[in-house]
Amino acid sequence: MADDQPSPASLLAPYHGEAPTAPAWFKAAIAQAPERSTIAVEGANIELLTWGEIGKPGLLFLHGNGAHADWWSFIAPFFAQDWRVAAISWSGMGESDWREAYSAELFATEIFAAVEAAGLEASGVKPIVVGHSFGGFPTLYCAARHPERLRGAIMADSSIQPPEKRWKGPPPRSGQGSRVYATLEEGLNRFRLAPPQPCENLYIADFIARRSLKAVEGGWTWKFDPDLWHNFRMPDLGQLLPQIACPAALMWGERSNLMHAETLDYMVAQMPKDVLLLPLPDADHHVMIDQPLAFVAGLRGLLANWS
């Protein structure tokens, strides 16, 4: 995620537009490039990335607010041998079209359109959906409203606060993102994780940041729709938690500043008792960036439980 609000020192400025050195596992993962396509969903073209063979069980990754499908491009290849894997960019984000209005229902439609287009049900079993942060909210919506269409739903650091703590309006980063930077380096220097947190794996931040910007007249700007949150409808998420009706799991970073004990206690109390719980050590909110290999290992364990 990125925006133009006052923020800590730039993560990537010390590299002056050059990519940080990456370890061998990361280079090998991103070398397994996805097939890229678009699908038409309710009047908008949605970016779709796929890995693995059609006919294997389906696994769909869903990114967070202001992000894009390539947040999963270094994670998805770890599953491509045994799964047919896909990731989308929500409308209003990544390479997907922007809409005049957005809703949980529309995002659920995008999920199931991706399931069909990617062949995630070709094995004869329903897909499993993994949503990070905001991506966990449409995942939760589908687990509550369309459970018969899922084999499992996993929310990764998707924070739902107790009612008295809930933000009542659009996120504070709404309305940002339309600034044009003269050079790619200037745009990269403005990239930060939201909410702010430390980042040791700057090679991942750089990979994500480069794919968060697009060339426009006069320079570079962020891909996400800055007005999305002014035109968005979602039902009360707290009321959806007890309605989860398919196998489900909650993962979170043990250091996440969005998953305090009060939040976890509330969510666990509201969810069905059989929802699996998996904290990831030494991880903040952006779990796949903070501990990518531990995230893969934890997710493999959850998937094995439902195989």
Protein backbone atom coordinates (compact mmCIF):
# COMPACT_ATOMS: atom_id res chain seq x y z
CA MET A 1 0.00 0.00 0.00
CA ALA A 2 1.14 3.55 -0.54
CA ASP A 3 -0.08 7.10 -0.18
CA ASP A 4 0.98 10.71 0.16
CA GLN A 5 0.28 11.22 3.84
CA PRO A 6 3.14 12.21 6.16
CA SER A 7 5.07 9.03 6.87
CA PRO A 8 8.30 7.72 8.36
CA ALA A 9 11.50 7.87 6.32
CA SER A 10 11.12 6.21 2.93
CA LEU A 11 11.78 2.49 2.84
CA LEU A 12 13.35 2.54 -0.60
CA ALA A 13 15.04 5.96 -0.89
CA PRO A 14 18.49 4.57 0.08
CA TYR A 15 18.46 2.46 -3.10
CA HIS A 16 18.01 5.44 -5.48
CA GLY A 17 15.70 3.53 -7.80
CA GLU A 18 17.76 0.33 -7.85
CA ALA A 19 16.33 -2.97 -6.64
CA PRO A 20 17.70 -4.28 -3.31
CA THR A 21 19.53 -7.60 -3.35
CA ALA A 22 17.10 -10.52 -3.05
CA PRO A 23 17.74 -14.07 -1.78
CA ALA A 24 17.72 -17.08 -4.08
CA TRP A 25 14.32 -18.37 -2.94
CA PHE A 26 12.67 -15.07 -3.91
CA LYS A 27 14.34 -14.94 -7.32
CA ALA A 28 13.25 -18.51 -8.00
CA ALA A 29 9.67 -17.75 -6.95
CA ILE A 30 9.17 -14.67 -9.12
CA ALA A 31 10.86 -16.48 -12.03
CA GLN A 32 7.75 -18.68 -12.08
CA ALA A 33 5.84 -15.92 -13.82
CA PRO A 34 2.04 -16.16 -13.83
CA GLU A 35 -0.18 -16.20 -16.87
CA ARG A 36 -1.81 -12.77 -17.04
CA SER A 37 -5.26 -12.06 -18.37
CA THR A 38 -8.36 -9.98 -17.72
CA ILE A 39 -11.94 -11.04 -17.16
CA ALA A 40 -15.05 -8.92 -17.62
CA VAL A 41 -17.09 -8.63 -14.41
CA GLU A 42 -20.16 -6.39 -14.22
CA GLY A 43 -18.77 -3.87 -16.69
CA ALA A 44 -15.17 -3.81 -15.43
CA ASN A 45 -12.07 -5.67 -16.63
CA ILE A 46 -10.47 -7.50 -13.69
CA GLU A 47 -6.80 -8.47 -13.64
CA LEU A 48 -6.27 -12.23 -13.21
CA LEU A 49 -2.98 -14.02 -12.52
CA THR A 50 -2.76 -17.84 -12.62
CA TRP A 51 -0.19 -20.53 -11.82
CA GLY A 52 -0.27 -24.34 -11.99
CA GLU A 53 -2.34 -26.80 -13.95
CA ILE A 54 -6.10 -26.70 -14.47
CA GLY A 55 -7.55 -29.84 -12.91
CA LYS A 56 -5.77 -29.50 -9.59
CA PRO A 57 -7.60 -28.16 -6.51
CA GLY A 58 -8.26 -24.42 -6.66
CA LEU A 59 -6.64 -21.77 -4.45
CA LEU A 60 -7.47 -18.05 -4.82
CA PHE A 61 -5.42 -15.25 -3.21
CA LEU A 62 -7.01 -11.85 -2.49
CA HIS A 63 -4.93 -8.77 -1.66
CA GLY A 64 -5.51 -5.88 0.71
CA ASN A 65 -6.48 -2.22 0.38
CA GLY A 66 -4.57 -0.23 -2.23
CA ALA A 67 -2.58 -3.31 -3.25
CA HIS A 68 -2.69 -5.60 -6.31
CA ALA A 69 -2.46 -9.21 -7.44
CA ASP A 70 1.35 -9.19 -7.60
CA TRP A 71 1.48 -9.05 -3.80
CA TRP A 72 1.08 -12.83 -4.21
CA SER A 73 3.58 -13.40 -7.03
CA PHE A 74 6.31 -14.53 -4.62
CA ILE A 75 3.89 -16.67 -2.55
CA ALA A 76 1.68 -18.39 -5.14
CA PRO A 77 4.49 -20.36 -6.87
CA PHE A 78 5.05 -22.36 -3.66
CA PHE A 79 1.59 -23.87 -4.16
CA ALA A 80 1.54 -24.24 -7.95
CA GLN A 81 2.82 -27.83 -7.98
CA ASP A 82 -0.20 -29.15 -6.07
CA TRP A 83 -2.82 -26.48 -6.75
CA ARG A 84 -4.35 -24.47 -9.54
CA VAL A 85 -3.58 -21.02 -8.09
CA ALA A 86 -5.03 -17.62 -8.98
CA ALA A 87 -4.90 -14.03 -7.74
CA ILE A 88 -6.95 -11.03 -8.79
CA SER A 89 -6.67 -7.30 -8.46
CA TRP A 90 -9.92 -5.92 -7.06
CA SER A 91 -11.71 -3.40 -9.24
CA GLY A 92 -10.29 0.00 -8.41
CA MET A 93 -6.83 -1.48 -7.76
CA GLY A 94 -3.88 -2.88 -9.68
CA GLU A 95 -4.47 -3.24 -13.43
CA SER A 96 -8.23 -3.65 -12.95
CA ASP A 97 -10.73 -1.04 -14.08
CA TRP A 98 -12.15 1.52 -11.67
CA ARG A 99 -15.89 1.66 -10.92
CA GLU A 100 -18.28 4.45 -10.05
CA ALA A 101 -19.35 2.42 -6.99
CA TYR A 102 -18.02 -0.63 -5.13
CA SER A 103 -19.65 -3.13 -2.79
CA ALA A 104 -19.14 -6.42 -0.99
CA GLU A 105 -21.57 -8.01 -3.44
CA LEU A 106 -19.55 -6.81 -6.42
CA PHE A 107 -16.30 -8.07 -4.90
CA ALA A 108 -17.94 -11.44 -4.24
CA THR A 109 -18.96 -11.49 -7.90
CA GLU A 110 -15.34 -10.80 -8.85
CA ILE A 111 -14.22 -13.71 -6.65
CA PHE A 112 -16.52 -16.24 -8.26
CA ALA A 113 -15.86 -14.91 -11.76
CA ALA A 114 -12.16 -15.54 -11.11
CA VAL A 115 -12.93 -19.04 -9.80
CA GLU A 116 -14.70 -19.84 -13.07
CA ALA A 117 -12.24 -18.14 -15.42
CA ALA A 118 -9.19 -19.71 -13.76
CA GLY A 119 -10.71 -23.20 -13.67
CA LEU A 120 -10.42 -23.43 -9.89
CA GLU A 121 -13.29 -25.95 -9.72
CA ALA A 122 -12.05 -28.18 -12.55
CA SER A 123 -10.80 -30.77 -10.04
CA GLY A 124 -14.38 -31.39 -8.93
CA VAL A 125 -13.95 -29.73 -5.52
CA LYS A 126 -14.73 -26.20 -4.39
CA PRO A 127 -11.87 -23.69 -4.10
CA ILE A 128 -10.17 -22.33 -1.00
CA VAL A 129 -9.89 -18.55 -0.71
CA VAL A 130 -7.16 -16.65 1.16
CA GLY A 131 -7.63 -12.93 1.82
CA HIS A 132 -5.10 -10.60 3.43
CA SER A 133 -6.19 -7.51 5.40
CA PHE A 134 -9.06 -5.88 3.45
CA GLY A 135 -9.08 -8.94 1.18
CA GLY A 136 -10.28 -10.94 4.15
CA PHE A 137 -13.53 -8.94 4.29
CA PRO A 138 -14.95 -10.16 0.94
CA THR A 139 -13.57 -13.57 1.95
CA LEU A 140 -15.62 -13.37 5.16
CA TYR A 141 -18.64 -12.16 3.19
CA CYS A 142 -18.46 -15.22 0.92
CA ALA A 143 -17.91 -17.58 3.87
CA ALA A 144 -21.10 -16.24 5.45
CA ARG A 145 -23.31 -15.58 2.42
CA HIS A 146 -22.01 -18.17 -0.09
CA PRO A 147 -20.50 -20.97 2.03
CA GLU A 148 -21.70 -23.69 -0.31
CA ARG A 149 -19.33 -22.34 -2.98
CA LEU A 150 -16.16 -22.63 -0.86
CA ARG A 151 -14.15 -25.51 0.55
CA GLY A 152 -12.42 -23.15 2.95
CA ALA A 153 -11.85 -19.47 3.75
CA ILE A 154 -8.71 -18.01 5.35
CA MET A 155 -8.42 -14.45 6.64
CA ALA A 156 -4.86 -13.22 7.12
CA ASP A 157 -4.55 -10.31 9.55
CA SER A 158 -8.03 -9.08 8.67
CA SER A 159 -8.92 -6.92 11.65
CA ILE A 160 -12.54 -6.48 12.74
CA GLN A 161 -12.71 -4.24 15.77
CA PRO A 162 -15.33 -4.41 18.53
CA PRO A 163 -18.32 -2.17 17.64
CA GLU A 164 -17.30 0.64 19.99
CA LYS A 165 -13.80 0.80 18.43
CA ARG A 166 -14.83 0.68 14.80
CA TRP A 167 -13.93 3.49 12.42
CA LYS A 168 -17.22 4.99 11.22
CA GLY A 169 -16.05 6.60 7.99
CA PRO A 170 -13.68 5.88 5.12
CA PRO A 171 -10.08 5.04 6.04
CA PRO A 172 -7.91 8.12 6.63
CA ARG A 173 -5.87 7.34 3.51
CA SER A 174 -8.95 7.88 1.32
CA GLY A 175 -8.59 10.68 -1.20
CA GLN A 176 -4.85 10.16 -1.56
CA GLY A 177 -2.98 8.58 -4.40
CA SER A 178 -3.57 10.82 -7.41
CA ARG A 179 -0.29 12.74 -7.18
CA VAL A 180 1.99 12.41 -10.22
CA TYR A 181 5.71 11.88 -9.61
CA ALA A 182 8.21 13.06 -12.19
CA THR A 183 10.25 9.85 -12.10
CA LEU A 184 9.79 6.22 -11.11
CA GLU A 185 12.45 6.69 -8.43
CA GLU A 186 10.48 9.54 -6.87
CA GLY A 187 7.39 7.34 -6.77
CA LEU A 188 9.31 4.43 -5.27
CA ASN A 189 10.63 6.77 -2.60
CA ARG A 190 7.06 7.58 -1.57
CA PHE A 191 6.05 3.93 -1.13
CA ARG A 192 5.28 2.83 2.41
CA LEU A 193 3.32 0.10 4.10
CA ALA A 194 -0.03 1.15 5.56
CA PRO A 195 -0.44 1.06 8.46
CA PRO A 196 3.24 1.97 8.96
CA GLN A 197 5.47 -0.80 10.28
CA PRO A 198 9.12 -1.90 10.12
CA CYS A 199 10.19 -3.82 7.02
CA GLU A 200 13.31 -5.96 6.95
CA ASN A 201 12.64 -7.58 3.55
CA LEU A 202 13.05 -4.50 1.39
CA TYR A 203 13.51 -6.58 -1.75
CA ILE A 204 9.84 -7.55 -1.37
CA ALA A 205 8.77 -3.95 -0.74
CA ASP A 206 10.63 -2.89 -3.89
CA PHE A 207 9.03 -5.65 -5.97
CA ILE A 208 5.57 -4.63 -4.79
CA ALA A 209 6.19 -0.89 -5.12
CA ARG A 210 7.32 -1.13 -8.76
CA ARG A 211 4.06 -2.87 -9.60
CA SER A 212 2.00 -0.33 -7.63
CA LEU A 213 2.88 2.54 -9.97
CA LYS A 214 1.83 3.24 -13.55
CA ALA A 215 3.16 5.61 -16.18
CA VAL A 216 0.88 8.57 -16.95
CA GLU A 217 1.29 11.90 -18.68
CA GLY A 218 3.93 13.81 -16.76
CA GLY A 219 5.36 10.86 -14.82
CA TRP A 220 4.15 8.10 -12.50
CA THR A 221 1.19 7.67 -10.17
CA TRP A 222 -0.40 4.97 -8.00
CA LYS A 223 -2.70 2.45 -9.64
CA PHE A 224 -5.49 2.43 -7.05
CA ASP A 225 -8.67 4.51 -7.24
CA PRO A 226 -8.25 7.30 -4.65
CA ASP A 227 -12.03 7.70 -4.35
CA LEU A 228 -12.84 4.01 -3.81
CA TRP A 229 -13.68 4.37 -0.14
CA HIS A 230 -16.12 7.22 -0.79
CA ASN A 231 -18.11 4.91 -3.07
CA PHE A 232 -18.02 1.62 -1.15
CA ARG A 233 -20.69 -0.43 0.66
CA MET A 234 -20.01 -3.33 3.03
CA PRO A 235 -22.38 -4.92 5.57
CA ASP A 236 -21.47 -4.93 9.25
CA LEU A 237 -18.50 -7.28 9.38
CA GLY A 238 -19.00 -8.09 13.04
CA GLN A 239 -22.43 -9.50 12.23
CA LEU A 240 -20.89 -11.70 9.52
CA LEU A 241 -18.39 -13.36 11.88
CA PRO A 242 -20.90 -15.72 13.58
CA GLN A 243 -22.44 -16.49 10.19
CA ILE A 244 -19.31 -18.22 8.83
CA ALA A 245 -20.64 -21.52 7.49
CA CYS A 246 -17.69 -23.17 5.74
CA PRO A 247 -14.33 -24.37 7.10
CA ALA A 248 -12.40 -21.25 8.06
CA ALA A 249 -9.17 -20.03 9.63
CA LEU A 250 -7.74 -16.78 10.96
CA MET A 251 -4.01 -16.08 10.63
CA TRP A 252 -2.33 -12.99 12.04
CA GLY A 253 1.05 -11.49 12.80
CA GLU A 254 1.87 -11.66 16.49
CA ARG A 255 3.23 -8.08 16.32
CA SER A 256 0.41 -6.72 14.14
CA ASN A 257 -0.82 -3.34 15.36
CA LEU A 258 -4.26 -4.22 13.96
CA MET A 259 -4.68 -7.46 15.90
CA HIS A 260 -4.41 -6.47 19.55
CA ALA A 261 -5.64 -8.83 22.24
CA GLU A 262 -8.95 -6.97 22.51
CA THR A 263 -9.56 -7.36 18.76
CA LEU A 264 -8.61 -11.04 18.75
CA ASP A 265 -10.78 -11.75 21.77
CA TYR A 266 -13.74 -10.10 20.08
CA MET A 267 -13.27 -11.90 16.77
CA VAL A 268 -12.71 -15.31 18.34
CA ALA A 269 -15.77 -14.89 20.55
CA GLN A 270 -17.93 -14.04 17.53
CA MET A 271 -16.69 -16.72 15.14
CA PRO A 272 -17.79 -20.37 15.20
CA LYS A 273 -15.71 -22.42 17.63
CA ASP A 274 -14.21 -24.62 14.90
CA VAL A 275 -12.46 -21.72 13.11
CA LEU A 276 -8.72 -22.51 13.13
CA LEU A 277 -6.36 -19.93 14.69
CA LEU A 278 -2.75 -19.46 13.56
CA PRO A 279 -0.52 -16.65 14.91
CA LEU A 280 2.69 -16.04 12.94
CA PRO A 281 5.72 -15.23 15.15
CA ASP A 282 7.87 -12.17 14.44
CA ALA A 283 5.36 -10.75 11.95
CA ASP A 284 3.54 -7.44 11.72
CA HIS A 285 0.37 -6.75 9.72
CA HIS A 286 1.87 -7.53 6.30
CA VAL A 287 2.52 -11.15 7.15
CA MET A 288 3.57 -12.31 3.66
CA ILE A 289 6.23 -9.58 3.55
CA ASP A 290 7.44 -9.92 7.15
CA GLN A 291 7.70 -13.72 7.23
CA PRO A 292 7.07 -15.02 3.70
CA LEU A 293 8.37 -18.56 4.19
CA ALA A 294 6.69 -18.94 7.58
CA PHE A 295 3.49 -17.70 5.95
CA VAL A 296 3.84 -20.37 3.25
CA ALA A 297 4.50 -23.07 5.85
CA GLY A 298 1.55 -22.00 8.00
CA LEU A 299 -0.76 -21.85 5.02
CA ARG A 300 0.38 -25.30 3.86
CA GLY A 301 -0.54 -26.66 7.28
CA LEU A 302 -4.03 -25.16 7.12
CA LEU A 303 -4.60 -26.46 3.61
CA ALA A 304 -3.44 -29.95 4.59
CA ASN A 305 -6.05 -29.92 7.35
CA TRP A 306 -8.78 -29.54 4.68
CA SER A 307 -7.33 -31.81 2.00
